[in-house]
All heavy atoms as atom14 arrays in JSON, in Angstrom:
{
  "sequence": "VTTNAGFLDYVQSNFFKGNLPQAELNALAAAYPSDPTQGSPFNTGTA",
  "atom14_mask": [
    [1, 1, 1, 1, 1, 1, 1, 0, 0, 0, 0, 0, 0, 0],
    [1, 1, 1, 1, 1, 1, 1, 0, 0, 0, 0, 0, 0, 0],
    [1, 1, 1, 1, 1, 1, 1, 0, 0, 0, 0, 0, 0, 0],
    [1, 1, 1, 1, 1, 1, 1, 1, 0, 0, 0, 0, 0, 0],
    [1, 1, 1, 1, 1, 0, 0, 0, 0, 0, 0, 0, 0, 0],
    [1, 1, 1, 1, 0, 0, 0, 0, 0, 0, 0, 0, 0, 0],
    [1, 1, 1, 1, 1, 1, 1, 1, 1, 1, 1, 0, 0, 0],
    [1, 1, 1, 1, 1, 1, 1, 1, 0, 0, 0, 0, 0, 0],
    [1, 1, 1, 1, 1, 1, 1, 1, 0, 0, 0, 0, 0, 0],
    [1, 1, 1, 1, 1, 1, 1, 1, 1, 1, 1, 1, 0, 0],
    [1, 1, 1, 1, 1, 1, 1, 0, 0, 0, 0, 0, 0, 0],
    [1, 1, 1, 1, 1, 1, 1, 1, 1, 0, 0, 0, 0, 0],
    [1, 1, 1, 1, 1, 1, 0, 0, 0, 0, 0, 0, 0, 0],
    [1, 1, 1, 1, 1, 1, 1, 1, 0, 0, 0, 0, 0, 0],
    [1, 1, 1, 1, 1, 1, 1, 1, 1, 1, 1, 0, 0, 0],
    [1, 1, 1, 1, 1, 1, 1, 1, 1, 1, 1, 0, 0, 0],
    [1, 1, 1, 1, 1, 1, 1, 1, 1, 0, 0, 0, 0, 0],
    [1, 1, 1, 1, 0, 0, 0, 0, 0, 0, 0, 0, 0, 0],
    [1, 1, 1, 1, 1, 1, 1, 1, 0, 0, 0, 0, 0, 0],
    [1, 1, 1, 1, 1, 1, 1, 1, 0, 0, 0, 0, 0, 0],
    [1, 1, 1, 1, 1, 1, 1, 0, 0, 0, 0, 0, 0, 0],
    [1, 1, 1, 1, 1, 1, 1, 1, 1, 0, 0, 0, 0, 0],
    [1, 1, 1, 1, 1, 0, 0, 0, 0, 0, 0, 0, 0, 0],
    [1, 1, 1, 1, 1, 1, 1, 1, 1, 0, 0, 0, 0, 0],
    [1, 1, 1, 1, 1, 1, 1, 1, 0, 0, 0, 0, 0, 0],
    [1, 1, 1, 1, 1, 1, 1, 1, 0, 0, 0, 0, 0, 0],
    [1, 1, 1, 1, 1, 0, 0, 0, 0, 0, 0, 0, 0, 0],
    [1, 1, 1, 1, 1, 1, 1, 1, 0, 0, 0, 0, 0, 0],
    [1, 1, 1, 1, 1, 0, 0, 0, 0, 0, 0, 0, 0, 0],
    [1, 1, 1, 1, 1, 0, 0, 0, 0, 0, 0, 0, 0, 0],
    [1, 1, 1, 1, 1, 0, 0, 0, 0, 0, 0, 0, 0, 0],
    [1, 1, 1, 1, 1, 1, 1, 1, 1, 1, 1, 1, 0, 0],
    [1, 1, 1, 1, 1, 1, 1, 0, 0, 0, 0, 0, 0, 0],
    [1, 1, 1, 1, 1, 1, 0, 0, 0, 0, 0, 0, 0, 0],
    [1, 1, 1, 1, 1, 1, 1, 1, 0, 0, 0, 0, 0, 0],
    [1, 1, 1, 1, 1, 1, 1, 0, 0, 0, 0, 0, 0, 0],
    [1, 1, 1, 1, 1, 1, 1, 0, 0, 0, 0, 0, 0, 0],
    [1, 1, 1, 1, 1, 1, 1, 1, 1, 0, 0, 0, 0, 0],
    [1, 1, 1, 1, 0, 0, 0, 0, 0, 0, 0, 0, 0, 0],
    [1, 1, 1, 1, 1, 1, 0, 0, 0, 0, 0, 0, 0, 0],
    [1, 1, 1, 1, 1, 1, 1, 0, 0, 0, 0, 0, 0, 0],
    [1, 1, 1, 1, 1, 1, 1, 1, 1, 1, 1, 0, 0, 0],
    [1, 1, 1, 1, 1, 1, 1, 1, 0, 0, 0, 0, 0, 0],
    [1, 1, 1, 1, 1, 1, 1, 0, 0, 0, 0, 0, 0, 0],
    [1, 1, 1, 1, 0, 0, 0, 0, 0, 0, 0, 0, 0, 0],
    [1, 1, 1, 1, 1, 1, 1, 0, 0, 0, 0, 0, 0, 0],
    [1, 1, 1, 1, 1, 0, 0, 0, 0, 0, 0, 0, 0, 0]
  ],
  "atom14_positions": [
    [[33.64, -30.1, -100.29], [34.72, -30.64, -101.11], [34.2, -31.86, -101.85], [33.9, -32.86, -101.22], [35.94, -30.98, -100.27], [37.09, -31.51, -101.16], [36.44, -29.75, -99.5], [0.0, 0.0, 0.0], [0.0, 0.0, 0.0], [0.0, 0.0, 0.0], [0.0, 0.0, 0.0], [0.0, 0.0, 0.0], [0.0, 0.0, 0.0], [0.0, 0.0, 0.0]],
    [[34.16, -31.79, -103.17], [33.53, -32.9, -103.92], [34.35, -33.41, -105.07], [33.98, -34.35, -105.78], [32.16, -32.45, -104.5], [32.34, -31.31, -105.32], [31.17, -32.12, -103.36], [0.0, 0.0, 0.0], [0.0, 0.0, 0.0], [0.0, 0.0, 0.0], [0.0, 0.0, 0.0], [0.0, 0.0, 0.0], [0.0, 0.0, 0.0], [0.0, 0.0, 0.0]],
    [[35.57, -32.84, -105.31], [36.41, -33.26, -106.43], [37.84, -33.52, -105.92], [38.21, -33.09, -104.85], [36.46, -32.16, -107.51], [37.11, -31.03, -107.0], [35.06, -31.83, -108.02], [0.0, 0.0, 0.0], [0.0, 0.0, 0.0], [0.0, 0.0, 0.0], [0.0, 0.0, 0.0], [0.0, 0.0, 0.0], [0.0, 0.0, 0.0], [0.0, 0.0, 0.0]],
    [[38.6, -34.18, -106.75], [40.0, -34.44, -106.4], [40.78, -33.13, -106.27], [41.57, -32.96, -105.33], [40.65, -35.34, -107.49], [42.13, -35.61, -107.14], [42.42, -36.29, -106.15], [43.05, -35.14, -107.97], [0.0, 0.0, 0.0], [0.0, 0.0, 0.0], [0.0, 0.0, 0.0], [0.0, 0.0, 0.0], [0.0, 0.0, 0.0], [0.0, 0.0, 0.0]],
    [[40.52, -32.17, -107.2], [41.17, -30.89, -107.11], [40.78, -30.19, -105.78], [41.65, -29.54, -105.14], [40.8, -30.0, -108.29], [0.0, 0.0, 0.0], [0.0, 0.0, 0.0], [0.0, 0.0, 0.0], [0.0, 0.0, 0.0], [0.0, 0.0, 0.0], [0.0, 0.0, 0.0], [0.0, 0.0, 0.0], [0.0, 0.0, 0.0], [0.0, 0.0, 0.0]],
    [[39.51, -30.31, -105.41], [39.08, -29.71, -104.16], [39.76, -30.37, -102.96], [40.09, -29.7, -102.0], [0.0, 0.0, 0.0], [0.0, 0.0, 0.0], [0.0, 0.0, 0.0], [0.0, 0.0, 0.0], [0.0, 0.0, 0.0], [0.0, 0.0, 0.0], [0.0, 0.0, 0.0], [0.0, 0.0, 0.0], [0.0, 0.0, 0.0], [0.0, 0.0, 0.0]],
    [[39.92, -31.7, -103.03], [40.62, -32.42, -101.94], [42.03, -31.94, -101.8], [42.52, -31.65, -100.68], [40.61, -33.92, -102.27], [41.45, -34.76, -101.38], [41.03, -35.17, -100.12], [42.74, -35.17, -101.76], [41.84, -35.89, -99.29], [43.56, -35.9, -100.95], [43.11, -36.31, -99.7], [0.0, 0.0, 0.0], [0.0, 0.0, 0.0], [0.0, 0.0, 0.0]],
    [[42.77, -31.83, -102.94], [44.15, -31.38, -102.88], [44.27, -29.97, -102.29], [45.14, -29.68, -101.44], [44.78, -31.41, -104.25], [44.9, -32.82, -104.92], [45.4, -32.66, -106.33], [45.79, -33.7, -104.09], [0.0, 0.0, 0.0], [0.0, 0.0, 0.0], [0.0, 0.0, 0.0], [0.0, 0.0, 0.0], [0.0, 0.0, 0.0], [0.0, 0.0, 0.0]],
    [[43.36, -29.11, -102.71], [43.37, -27.73, -102.19], [43.03, -27.68, -100.7], [43.64, -26.96, -99.94], [42.39, -26.88, -102.98], [42.38, -25.4, -102.51], [43.42, -24.72, -102.69], [41.35, -24.99, -101.94], [0.0, 0.0, 0.0], [0.0, 0.0, 0.0], [0.0, 0.0, 0.0], [0.0, 0.0, 0.0], [0.0, 0.0, 0.0], [0.0, 0.0, 0.0]],
    [[42.04, -28.49, -100.31], [41.63, -28.53, -98.91], [42.79, -28.97, -98.0], [43.07, -28.35, -96.97], [40.46, -29.54, -98.77], [40.06, -29.83, -97.32], [39.28, -28.91, -96.61], [40.45, -31.0, -96.72], [38.9, -29.21, -95.29], [40.07, -31.3, -95.4], [39.29, -30.39, -94.7], [38.92, -30.67, -93.4], [0.0, 0.0, 0.0], [0.0, 0.0, 0.0]],
    [[43.47, -30.02, -98.44], [44.6, -30.54, -97.6], [45.73, -29.55, -97.57], [46.28, -29.2, -96.54], [45.07, -31.87, -98.17], [46.36, -32.34, -97.45], [43.99, -32.92, -98.02], [0.0, 0.0, 0.0], [0.0, 0.0, 0.0], [0.0, 0.0, 0.0], [0.0, 0.0, 0.0], [0.0, 0.0, 0.0], [0.0, 0.0, 0.0], [0.0, 0.0, 0.0]],
    [[46.11, -29.01, -98.72], [47.23, -28.08, -98.8], [46.99, -26.78, -98.03], [47.81, -26.35, -97.25], [47.52, -27.78, -100.29], [48.66, -26.79, -100.54], [50.0, -27.4, -100.25], [50.41, -27.43, -99.06], [50.72, -27.85, -101.25], [0.0, 0.0, 0.0], [0.0, 0.0, 0.0], [0.0, 0.0, 0.0], [0.0, 0.0, 0.0], [0.0, 0.0, 0.0]],
    [[45.81, -26.2, -98.25], [45.55, -24.88, -97.65], [45.19, -24.98, -96.18], [45.59, -24.15, -95.38], [44.44, -24.19, -98.42], [43.22, -24.9, -98.35], [0.0, 0.0, 0.0], [0.0, 0.0, 0.0], [0.0, 0.0, 0.0], [0.0, 0.0, 0.0], [0.0, 0.0, 0.0], [0.0, 0.0, 0.0], [0.0, 0.0, 0.0], [0.0, 0.0, 0.0]],
    [[44.47, -26.01, -95.82], [43.98, -26.08, -94.46], [44.97, -26.62, -93.43], [44.96, -26.24, -92.29], [42.71, -26.99, -94.4], [41.75, -26.58, -93.29], [41.61, -25.43, -92.98], [41.15, -27.58, -92.67], [0.0, 0.0, 0.0], [0.0, 0.0, 0.0], [0.0, 0.0, 0.0], [0.0, 0.0, 0.0], [0.0, 0.0, 0.0], [0.0, 0.0, 0.0]],
    [[45.89, -27.5, -93.92], [46.78, -28.17, -92.97], [48.27, -27.84, -93.21], [49.09, -28.04, -92.32], [46.56, -29.65, -92.97], [45.17, -30.04, -92.63], [44.34, -30.69, -93.53], [44.65, -29.7, -91.4], [43.03, -31.02, -93.19], [43.33, -30.01, -91.04], [42.52, -30.68, -91.95], [0.0, 0.0, 0.0], [0.0, 0.0, 0.0], [0.0, 0.0, 0.0]],
    [[48.63, -27.39, -94.39], [50.02, -27.14, -94.69], [50.3, -25.75, -95.2], [51.44, -25.41, -95.56], [50.56, -28.2, -95.67], [50.44, -29.59, -95.16], [49.42, -30.44, -95.62], [51.31, -30.08, -94.22], [49.26, -31.72, -95.12], [51.18, -31.37, -93.73], [50.19, -32.17, -94.17], [0.0, 0.0, 0.0], [0.0, 0.0, 0.0], [0.0, 0.0, 0.0]],
    [[49.29, -24.89, -95.23], [49.43, -23.49, -95.61], [50.18, -23.29, -96.88], [50.96, -22.35, -97.05], [50.1, -22.72, -94.43], [49.34, -22.79, -93.1], [47.96, -22.21, -93.21], [47.23, -22.24, -91.89], [46.76, -23.6, -91.52], [0.0, 0.0, 0.0], [0.0, 0.0, 0.0], [0.0, 0.0, 0.0], [0.0, 0.0, 0.0], [0.0, 0.0, 0.0]],
    [[49.96, -24.25, -97.83], [50.61, -24.13, -99.1], [52.06, -24.55, -99.17], [52.73, -24.37, -100.17], [0.0, 0.0, 0.0], [0.0, 0.0, 0.0], [0.0, 0.0, 0.0], [0.0, 0.0, 0.0], [0.0, 0.0, 0.0], [0.0, 0.0, 0.0], [0.0, 0.0, 0.0], [0.0, 0.0, 0.0], [0.0, 0.0, 0.0], [0.0, 0.0, 0.0]],
    [[52.58, -25.1, -98.06], [54.02, -25.39, -97.97], [54.39, -26.86, -98.23], [55.56, -27.21, -98.2], [54.5, -25.0, -96.56], [54.45, -23.53, -96.33], [54.8, -22.74, -97.21], [54.0, -23.15, -95.15], [0.0, 0.0, 0.0], [0.0, 0.0, 0.0], [0.0, 0.0, 0.0], [0.0, 0.0, 0.0], [0.0, 0.0, 0.0], [0.0, 0.0, 0.0]],
    [[53.38, -27.73, -98.46], [53.67, -29.14, -98.73], [54.1, -29.27, -100.16], [53.37, -28.84, -101.08], [52.45, -29.98, -98.43], [52.64, -31.51, -98.61], [53.61, -31.99, -97.55], [51.29, -32.23, -98.46], [0.0, 0.0, 0.0], [0.0, 0.0, 0.0], [0.0, 0.0, 0.0], [0.0, 0.0, 0.0], [0.0, 0.0, 0.0], [0.0, 0.0, 0.0]],
    [[55.3, -29.81, -100.44], [55.76, -30.0, -101.82], [54.75, -30.79, -102.63], [54.07, -31.72, -102.11], [57.09, -30.74, -101.65], [57.55, -30.37, -100.31], [56.32, -30.24, -99.46], [0.0, 0.0, 0.0], [0.0, 0.0, 0.0], [0.0, 0.0, 0.0], [0.0, 0.0, 0.0], [0.0, 0.0, 0.0], [0.0, 0.0, 0.0], [0.0, 0.0, 0.0]],
    [[54.64, -30.45, -103.9], [53.62, -31.06, -104.75], [53.8, -32.61, -104.78], [52.81, -33.32, -104.81], [53.7, -30.5, -106.17], [52.57, -30.93, -107.07], [51.22, -30.48, -106.59], [51.06, -29.31, -106.2], [50.21, -31.31, -106.65], [0.0, 0.0, 0.0], [0.0, 0.0, 0.0], [0.0, 0.0, 0.0], [0.0, 0.0, 0.0], [0.0, 0.0, 0.0]],
    [[55.02, -33.06, -104.81], [55.24, -34.51, -104.86], [54.66, -35.2, -103.65], [54.05, -36.27, -103.78], [56.73, -34.79, -104.98], [0.0, 0.0, 0.0], [0.0, 0.0, 0.0], [0.0, 0.0, 0.0], [0.0, 0.0, 0.0], [0.0, 0.0, 0.0], [0.0, 0.0, 0.0], [0.0, 0.0, 0.0], [0.0, 0.0, 0.0], [0.0, 0.0, 0.0]],
    [[54.82, -34.6, -102.47], [54.29, -35.23, -101.27], [52.77, -35.07, -101.2], [52.06, -35.97, -100.7], [54.94, -34.61, -100.04], [56.4, -34.97, -99.9], [57.02, -34.44, -98.62], [56.83, -33.27, -98.29], [57.73, -35.25, -97.95], [0.0, 0.0, 0.0], [0.0, 0.0, 0.0], [0.0, 0.0, 0.0], [0.0, 0.0, 0.0], [0.0, 0.0, 0.0]],
    [[52.24, -33.95, -101.74], [50.78, -33.83, -101.81], [50.2, -34.9, -102.71], [49.16, -35.52, -102.41], [50.46, -32.42, -102.32], [48.93, -32.09, -102.43], [48.28, -32.2, -101.05], [48.72, -30.71, -103.03], [0.0, 0.0, 0.0], [0.0, 0.0, 0.0], [0.0, 0.0, 0.0], [0.0, 0.0, 0.0], [0.0, 0.0, 0.0], [0.0, 0.0, 0.0]],
    [[50.85, -35.13, -103.84], [50.38, -36.19, -104.76], [50.48, -37.56, -104.1], [49.61, -38.4, -104.32], [51.21, -36.15, -106.05], [50.95, -34.9, -106.86], [49.95, -34.23, -106.72], [51.88, -34.58, -107.78], [0.0, 0.0, 0.0], [0.0, 0.0, 0.0], [0.0, 0.0, 0.0], [0.0, 0.0, 0.0], [0.0, 0.0, 0.0], [0.0, 0.0, 0.0]],
    [[51.54, -37.74, -103.31], [51.68, -39.05, -102.62], [50.58, -39.26, -101.61], [50.06, -40.38, -101.47], [53.05, -39.07, -101.94], [0.0, 0.0, 0.0], [0.0, 0.0, 0.0], [0.0, 0.0, 0.0], [0.0, 0.0, 0.0], [0.0, 0.0, 0.0], [0.0, 0.0, 0.0], [0.0, 0.0, 0.0], [0.0, 0.0, 0.0], [0.0, 0.0, 0.0]],
    [[50.19, -38.19, -100.89], [49.06, -38.3, -99.99], [47.78, -38.64, -100.7], [46.98, -39.44, -100.25], [48.86, -36.97, -99.21], [49.68, -36.76, -97.96], [49.35, -35.42, -97.31], [49.41, -37.88, -96.9], [0.0, 0.0, 0.0], [0.0, 0.0, 0.0], [0.0, 0.0, 0.0], [0.0, 0.0, 0.0], [0.0, 0.0, 0.0], [0.0, 0.0, 0.0]],
    [[47.58, -37.95, -101.85], [46.36, -38.24, -102.64], [46.28, -39.69, -103.12], [45.21, -40.3, -103.11], [46.33, -37.29, -103.84], [0.0, 0.0, 0.0], [0.0, 0.0, 0.0], [0.0, 0.0, 0.0], [0.0, 0.0, 0.0], [0.0, 0.0, 0.0], [0.0, 0.0, 0.0], [0.0, 0.0, 0.0], [0.0, 0.0, 0.0], [0.0, 0.0, 0.0]],
    [[47.44, -40.27, -103.46], [47.5, -41.63, -103.86], [47.3, -42.59, -102.68], [46.63, -43.65, -102.79], [48.83, -41.93, -104.52], [0.0, 0.0, 0.0], [0.0, 0.0, 0.0], [0.0, 0.0, 0.0], [0.0, 0.0, 0.0], [0.0, 0.0, 0.0], [0.0, 0.0, 0.0], [0.0, 0.0, 0.0], [0.0, 0.0, 0.0], [0.0, 0.0, 0.0]],
    [[47.83, -42.2, -101.52], [47.73, -43.05, -100.33], [46.31, -43.06, -99.77], [45.88, -44.02, -99.16], [48.71, -42.6, -99.25], [0.0, 0.0, 0.0], [0.0, 0.0, 0.0], [0.0, 0.0, 0.0], [0.0, 0.0, 0.0], [0.0, 0.0, 0.0], [0.0, 0.0, 0.0], [0.0, 0.0, 0.0], [0.0, 0.0, 0.0], [0.0, 0.0, 0.0]],
    [[45.6, -41.97, -100.02], [44.19, -41.82, -99.58], [43.32, -41.54, -100.77], [42.93, -40.41, -101.05], [44.1, -40.74, -98.52], [44.85, -41.08, -97.25], [46.18, -40.75, -97.09], [44.21, -41.79, -96.21], [46.89, -41.12, -95.94], [44.92, -42.13, -95.07], [46.25, -41.84, -94.95], [46.93, -42.17, -93.81], [0.0, 0.0, 0.0], [0.0, 0.0, 0.0]],
    [[43.01, -42.61, -101.49], [42.26, -42.43, -102.79], [40.79, -42.08, -102.57], [40.24, -42.25, -101.45], [42.39, -43.79, -103.44], [42.52, -44.76, -102.32], [43.3, -44.03, -101.24], [0.0, 0.0, 0.0], [0.0, 0.0, 0.0], [0.0, 0.0, 0.0], [0.0, 0.0, 0.0], [0.0, 0.0, 0.0], [0.0, 0.0, 0.0], [0.0, 0.0, 0.0]],
    [[40.16, -41.61, -103.61], [38.76, -41.21, -103.54], [37.81, -42.43, -103.54], [36.62, -42.27, -103.37], [38.4, -40.27, -104.68], [38.67, -40.85, -105.94], [0.0, 0.0, 0.0], [0.0, 0.0, 0.0], [0.0, 0.0, 0.0], [0.0, 0.0, 0.0], [0.0, 0.0, 0.0], [0.0, 0.0, 0.0], [0.0, 0.0, 0.0], [0.0, 0.0, 0.0]],
    [[38.34, -43.62, -103.79], [37.55, -44.87, -103.78], [36.86, -44.98, -102.43], [37.55, -45.2, -101.41], [38.48, -46.04, -104.1], [37.74, -47.38, -103.98], [36.5, -47.37, -103.8], [38.4, -48.41, -104.17], [0.0, 0.0, 0.0], [0.0, 0.0, 0.0], [0.0, 0.0, 0.0], [0.0, 0.0, 0.0], [0.0, 0.0, 0.0], [0.0, 0.0, 0.0]],
    [[35.55, -44.88, -102.34], [34.87, -44.93, -101.03], [35.08, -46.26, -100.28], [34.95, -46.26, -99.06], [33.38, -44.75, -101.39], [33.28, -45.13, -102.82], [34.58, -44.77, -103.48], [0.0, 0.0, 0.0], [0.0, 0.0, 0.0], [0.0, 0.0, 0.0], [0.0, 0.0, 0.0], [0.0, 0.0, 0.0], [0.0, 0.0, 0.0], [0.0, 0.0, 0.0]],
    [[35.42, -47.35, -100.98], [35.64, -48.61, -100.29], [36.92, -48.55, -99.49], [37.12, -49.43, -98.58], [35.68, -49.78, -101.26], [36.84, -49.63, -102.11], [34.44, -49.83, -102.1], [0.0, 0.0, 0.0], [0.0, 0.0, 0.0], [0.0, 0.0, 0.0], [0.0, 0.0, 0.0], [0.0, 0.0, 0.0], [0.0, 0.0, 0.0], [0.0, 0.0, 0.0]],
    [[37.82, -47.59, -99.74], [39.07, -47.42, -99.0], [38.98, -46.39, -97.92], [39.95, -46.19, -97.17], [40.22, -47.05, -99.98], [40.39, -48.05, -101.13], [40.69, -49.47, -100.6], [41.61, -49.66, -99.83], [39.87, -50.43, -101.05], [0.0, 0.0, 0.0], [0.0, 0.0, 0.0], [0.0, 0.0, 0.0], [0.0, 0.0, 0.0], [0.0, 0.0, 0.0]],
    [[37.85, -45.71, -97.86], [37.71, -44.58, -96.91], [37.09, -44.95, -95.63], [36.78, -46.09, -95.33], [0.0, 0.0, 0.0], [0.0, 0.0, 0.0], [0.0, 0.0, 0.0], [0.0, 0.0, 0.0], [0.0, 0.0, 0.0], [0.0, 0.0, 0.0], [0.0, 0.0, 0.0], [0.0, 0.0, 0.0], [0.0, 0.0, 0.0], [0.0, 0.0, 0.0]],
    [[36.92, -43.92, -94.8], [36.38, -44.09, -93.43], [34.95, -43.51, -93.39], [34.69, -42.45, -93.92], [37.27, -43.36, -92.42], [36.82, -43.49, -91.12], [0.0, 0.0, 0.0], [0.0, 0.0, 0.0], [0.0, 0.0, 0.0], [0.0, 0.0, 0.0], [0.0, 0.0, 0.0], [0.0, 0.0, 0.0], [0.0, 0.0, 0.0], [0.0, 0.0, 0.0]],
    [[34.02, -44.26, -92.75], [34.17, -45.44, -91.95], [34.75, -46.61, -92.74], [34.21, -46.99, -93.81], [32.73, -45.77, -91.49], [31.97, -44.5, -91.6], [32.58, -43.78, -92.77], [0.0, 0.0, 0.0], [0.0, 0.0, 0.0], [0.0, 0.0, 0.0], [0.0, 0.0, 0.0], [0.0, 0.0, 0.0], [0.0, 0.0, 0.0], [0.0, 0.0, 0.0]],
    [[35.82, -47.18, -92.23], [36.52, -48.26, -92.9], [35.71, -49.54, -92.91], [34.87, -49.78, -92.02], [37.87, -48.54, -92.23], [38.82, -47.34, -92.34], [39.13, -46.57, -91.2], [39.4, -47.04, -93.55], [39.99, -45.49, -91.3], [40.31, -45.96, -93.66], [40.59, -45.17, -92.54], [0.0, 0.0, 0.0], [0.0, 0.0, 0.0], [0.0, 0.0, 0.0]],
    [[35.92, -50.34, -93.93], [35.25, -51.63, -94.05], [33.75, -51.55, -94.15], [33.04, -52.43, -93.66], [35.66, -52.57, -92.9], [37.17, -52.76, -92.84], [37.84, -53.01, -93.87], [37.7, -52.66, -91.64], [0.0, 0.0, 0.0], [0.0, 0.0, 0.0], [0.0, 0.0, 0.0], [0.0, 0.0, 0.0], [0.0, 0.0, 0.0], [0.0, 0.0, 0.0]],
    [[33.26, -50.46, -94.79], [31.82, -50.31, -94.96], [31.49, -50.19, -96.45], [30.38, -49.71, -96.82], [31.28, -49.07, -94.23], [31.95, -47.88, -94.69], [31.45, -49.2, -92.7], [0.0, 0.0, 0.0], [0.0, 0.0, 0.0], [0.0, 0.0, 0.0], [0.0, 0.0, 0.0], [0.0, 0.0, 0.0], [0.0, 0.0, 0.0], [0.0, 0.0, 0.0]],
    [[32.4, -50.58, -97.31], [32.11, -50.61, -98.74], [31.83, -49.2, -99.27], [32.53, -48.2, -98.95], [0.0, 0.0, 0.0], [0.0, 0.0, 0.0], [0.0, 0.0, 0.0], [0.0, 0.0, 0.0], [0.0, 0.0, 0.0], [0.0, 0.0, 0.0], [0.0, 0.0, 0.0], [0.0, 0.0, 0.0], [0.0, 0.0, 0.0], [0.0, 0.0, 0.0]],
    [[30.83, -49.12, -100.1], [30.45, -47.83, -100.66], [29.45, -47.03, -99.75], [29.05, -45.92, -100.12], [29.78, -48.04, -102.03], [28.64, -48.89, -101.92], [30.79, -48.69, -103.02], [0.0, 0.0, 0.0], [0.0, 0.0, 0.0], [0.0, 0.0, 0.0], [0.0, 0.0, 0.0], [0.0, 0.0, 0.0], [0.0, 0.0, 0.0], [0.0, 0.0, 0.0]],
    [[29.05, -47.63, -98.66], [28.11, -46.94, -97.79], [28.79, -45.73, -97.11], [30.0, -45.64, -97.02], [27.63, -47.91, -96.71], [0.0, 0.0, 0.0], [0.0, 0.0, 0.0], [0.0, 0.0, 0.0], [0.0, 0.0, 0.0], [0.0, 0.0, 0.0], [0.0, 0.0, 0.0], [0.0, 0.0, 0.0], [0.0, 0.0, 0.0], [0.0, 0.0, 0.0]]
  ]
}
């Protein structure tokens, strides 16, 4: 999974079987952005 579209599809199909409303899926995408400085391992910058 290397793109935002791939992320959305991965989350929707793998964990919600296509049943998560689009608005909530978009909210998850916003809450967990692709910015590596916000991701895990946390507090490791772009590493």
